[in-house]
């Protein structure tokens, strides 16, 4: 799964179950195959227009990182 970052944000005030992981980045990705997906970003911070790819999936959460 690959795509381009449409928009991104860094979460500082996380919900209770994710407080230990804050701050973390999320992004909306325009998929190369069509459509959009909201995903967590892993590794280096991304910016709008960056190419990303699927790194892993945990408990139904997709983690994408820079290509």
N, C-alpha and C. Protein backbone atom coordinates (compact mmCIF):
# COMPACT_ATOMS: atom_id res chain seq x y z
N UNK A 1 0.85 -1.16 0.00
CA UNK A 1 0.00 0.00 0.00
C UNK A 1 0.90 1.24 0.00
N UNK A 2 0.69 2.10 -0.96
CA UNK A 2 1.48 3.32 -1.09
C UNK A 2 0.55 4.49 -1.38
N UNK A 3 1.06 5.70 -1.11
CA UNK A 3 0.26 6.88 -1.38
C UNK A 3 1.03 8.14 -1.08
N UNK A 4 0.30 9.25 -1.10
CA UNK A 4 0.87 10.58 -0.90
C UNK A 4 0.13 11.23 0.29
N UNK A 5 0.90 11.91 1.15
CA UNK A 5 0.30 12.58 2.31
C UNK A 5 -0.56 13.75 1.83
N UNK A 6 -1.85 13.69 2.17
CA UNK A 6 -2.81 14.74 1.83
C UNK A 6 -2.79 15.83 2.90
N UNK A 7 -2.77 15.42 4.17
CA UNK A 7 -2.65 16.33 5.30
C UNK A 7 -2.14 15.55 6.50
N UNK A 8 -1.59 16.26 7.48
CA UNK A 8 -1.01 15.58 8.64
C UNK A 8 -1.19 16.42 9.89
N UNK A 9 -1.05 15.76 11.05
CA UNK A 9 -1.15 16.45 12.33
C UNK A 9 -0.38 15.66 13.38
N UNK A 10 0.11 16.37 14.38
CA UNK A 10 0.78 15.71 15.50
C UNK A 10 -0.16 15.78 16.70
N UNK A 11 -0.43 14.62 17.29
CA UNK A 11 -1.31 14.52 18.44
C UNK A 11 -0.49 14.66 19.71
N UNK A 12 -0.80 15.69 20.50
CA UNK A 12 -0.13 15.92 21.78
C UNK A 12 -1.04 15.55 22.94
N UNK A 13 -2.34 15.76 22.79
CA UNK A 13 -3.33 15.44 23.82
C UNK A 13 -4.06 14.18 23.38
N UNK A 14 -3.47 13.05 23.67
CA UNK A 14 -3.99 11.75 23.21
C UNK A 14 -5.09 11.23 24.13
N UNK A 15 -5.94 10.34 23.61
CA UNK A 15 -6.93 9.70 24.48
C UNK A 15 -6.20 8.83 25.52
N UNK A 16 -6.89 8.51 26.58
CA UNK A 16 -6.29 7.82 27.74
C UNK A 16 -5.46 6.60 27.35
N UNK A 17 -5.95 5.78 26.42
CA UNK A 17 -5.25 4.54 26.06
C UNK A 17 -3.98 4.78 25.24
N UNK A 18 -3.76 6.01 24.75
CA UNK A 18 -2.58 6.31 23.93
C UNK A 18 -1.67 7.37 24.54
N UNK A 19 -1.94 7.78 25.78
CA UNK A 19 -1.15 8.84 26.41
C UNK A 19 0.33 8.52 26.42
N UNK A 20 0.69 7.27 26.66
CA UNK A 20 2.10 6.88 26.72
C UNK A 20 2.80 7.02 25.37
N UNK A 21 2.04 7.06 24.28
CA UNK A 21 2.63 7.15 22.94
C UNK A 21 2.72 8.58 22.43
N UNK A 22 2.09 9.52 23.10
CA UNK A 22 2.08 10.92 22.64
C UNK A 22 3.44 11.56 22.86
N UNK A 23 3.85 12.49 22.02
CA UNK A 23 3.16 12.91 20.80
C UNK A 23 3.40 11.91 19.66
N UNK A 24 2.41 11.78 18.80
CA UNK A 24 2.55 10.93 17.62
C UNK A 24 1.86 11.61 16.44
N UNK A 25 2.27 11.20 15.24
CA UNK A 25 1.75 11.84 14.02
C UNK A 25 0.72 10.95 13.36
N UNK A 26 -0.34 11.58 12.88
CA UNK A 26 -1.33 10.91 12.04
C UNK A 26 -1.42 11.67 10.73
N UNK A 27 -1.92 10.98 9.71
CA UNK A 27 -2.04 11.63 8.40
C UNK A 27 -3.19 11.03 7.61
N UNK A 28 -3.72 11.82 6.71
CA UNK A 28 -4.66 11.31 5.72
C UNK A 28 -3.84 11.12 4.46
N UNK A 29 -3.92 9.91 3.92
CA UNK A 29 -3.13 9.51 2.77
C UNK A 29 -4.03 9.33 1.55
N UNK A 30 -3.66 9.93 0.43
CA UNK A 30 -4.33 9.66 -0.84
C UNK A 30 -3.63 8.44 -1.43
N UNK A 31 -4.36 7.33 -1.47
CA UNK A 31 -3.77 6.07 -1.91
C UNK A 31 -3.56 6.03 -3.42
N UNK A 32 -2.45 5.42 -3.84
CA UNK A 32 -2.17 5.27 -5.27
C UNK A 32 -3.26 4.44 -5.95
N UNK A 33 -3.86 3.51 -5.20
CA UNK A 33 -4.91 2.66 -5.75
C UNK A 33 -6.28 3.33 -5.74
N UNK A 34 -6.35 4.56 -5.19
CA UNK A 34 -7.61 5.29 -5.13
C UNK A 34 -8.14 5.36 -3.71
N UNK A 35 -8.80 6.43 -3.40
CA UNK A 35 -9.38 6.62 -2.07
C UNK A 35 -8.40 7.25 -1.11
N UNK A 36 -8.86 7.44 0.11
CA UNK A 36 -8.02 8.02 1.16
C UNK A 36 -8.10 7.16 2.41
N UNK A 37 -7.07 7.26 3.23
CA UNK A 37 -6.93 6.45 4.43
C UNK A 37 -6.32 7.31 5.53
N UNK A 38 -6.86 7.22 6.74
CA UNK A 38 -6.23 7.85 7.90
C UNK A 38 -5.33 6.82 8.55
N UNK A 39 -4.08 7.20 8.83
CA UNK A 39 -3.11 6.24 9.36
C UNK A 39 -2.16 6.92 10.33
N UNK A 40 -1.53 6.10 11.16
CA UNK A 40 -0.45 6.58 12.03
C UNK A 40 0.83 6.61 11.20
N UNK A 41 1.70 7.56 11.52
CA UNK A 41 2.99 7.67 10.84
C UNK A 41 4.06 7.14 11.78
N UNK A 42 4.96 6.35 11.23
CA UNK A 42 6.07 5.82 12.01
C UNK A 42 7.38 6.27 11.37
N UNK A 43 8.41 6.38 12.16
CA UNK A 43 9.69 6.84 11.63
C UNK A 43 9.73 8.35 11.52
N UNK A 44 10.43 8.85 10.52
CA UNK A 44 10.58 10.29 10.32
C UNK A 44 9.23 10.97 10.10
N UNK A 45 9.13 12.20 10.57
CA UNK A 45 7.91 12.98 10.36
C UNK A 45 7.70 13.23 8.87
N UNK A 46 6.44 13.18 8.44
CA UNK A 46 6.11 13.43 7.04
C UNK A 46 5.48 14.81 6.90
N UNK A 47 5.49 15.32 5.68
CA UNK A 47 4.82 16.57 5.36
C UNK A 47 3.93 16.35 4.15
N UNK A 48 3.05 17.30 3.91
CA UNK A 48 2.13 17.20 2.78
C UNK A 48 2.93 17.00 1.50
N UNK A 49 2.50 16.01 0.70
CA UNK A 49 3.16 15.71 -0.57
C UNK A 49 4.18 14.58 -0.51
N UNK A 50 4.56 14.15 0.70
CA UNK A 50 5.52 13.05 0.83
C UNK A 50 4.91 11.72 0.39
N UNK A 51 5.72 10.89 -0.24
CA UNK A 51 5.31 9.54 -0.60
C UNK A 51 5.50 8.65 0.63
N UNK A 52 4.50 7.80 0.91
CA UNK A 52 4.56 6.90 2.06
C UNK A 52 4.16 5.49 1.64
N UNK A 53 4.53 4.54 2.49
CA UNK A 53 4.17 3.15 2.24
C UNK A 53 3.83 2.46 3.55
N UNK A 54 3.08 1.36 3.45
CA UNK A 54 2.70 0.59 4.62
C UNK A 54 3.94 -0.03 5.24
N UNK A 55 4.12 0.16 6.55
CA UNK A 55 5.24 -0.42 7.29
C UNK A 55 4.76 -1.63 8.08
N UNK A 56 3.63 -1.47 8.79
CA UNK A 56 3.07 -2.58 9.56
C UNK A 56 1.62 -2.26 9.91
N UNK A 57 0.93 -3.28 10.42
CA UNK A 57 -0.44 -3.13 10.90
C UNK A 57 -0.54 -3.81 12.25
N UNK A 58 -1.08 -3.10 13.24
CA UNK A 58 -1.25 -3.64 14.59
C UNK A 58 -2.66 -3.37 15.06
N UNK A 59 -3.36 -4.43 15.43
CA UNK A 59 -4.74 -4.30 15.96
C UNK A 59 -5.61 -3.45 15.05
N UNK A 60 -5.48 -3.61 13.76
CA UNK A 60 -6.30 -2.89 12.80
C UNK A 60 -5.84 -1.47 12.49
N UNK A 61 -4.73 -1.03 13.11
CA UNK A 61 -4.18 0.30 12.85
C UNK A 61 -3.05 0.18 11.86
N UNK A 62 -3.12 0.94 10.78
CA UNK A 62 -2.05 0.91 9.78
C UNK A 62 -1.03 1.97 10.11
N UNK A 63 0.25 1.57 10.05
CA UNK A 63 1.38 2.47 10.29
C UNK A 63 2.10 2.63 8.96
N UNK A 64 2.22 3.87 8.49
CA UNK A 64 2.90 4.16 7.25
C UNK A 64 4.14 4.99 7.54
N UNK A 65 5.13 4.90 6.64
CA UNK A 65 6.34 5.67 6.77
C UNK A 65 6.81 6.13 5.40
N UNK A 66 7.77 7.06 5.41
CA UNK A 66 8.31 7.59 4.15
C UNK A 66 8.87 6.47 3.28
N UNK A 67 8.69 6.63 1.98
CA UNK A 67 9.25 5.67 1.01
C UNK A 67 10.75 5.88 0.88
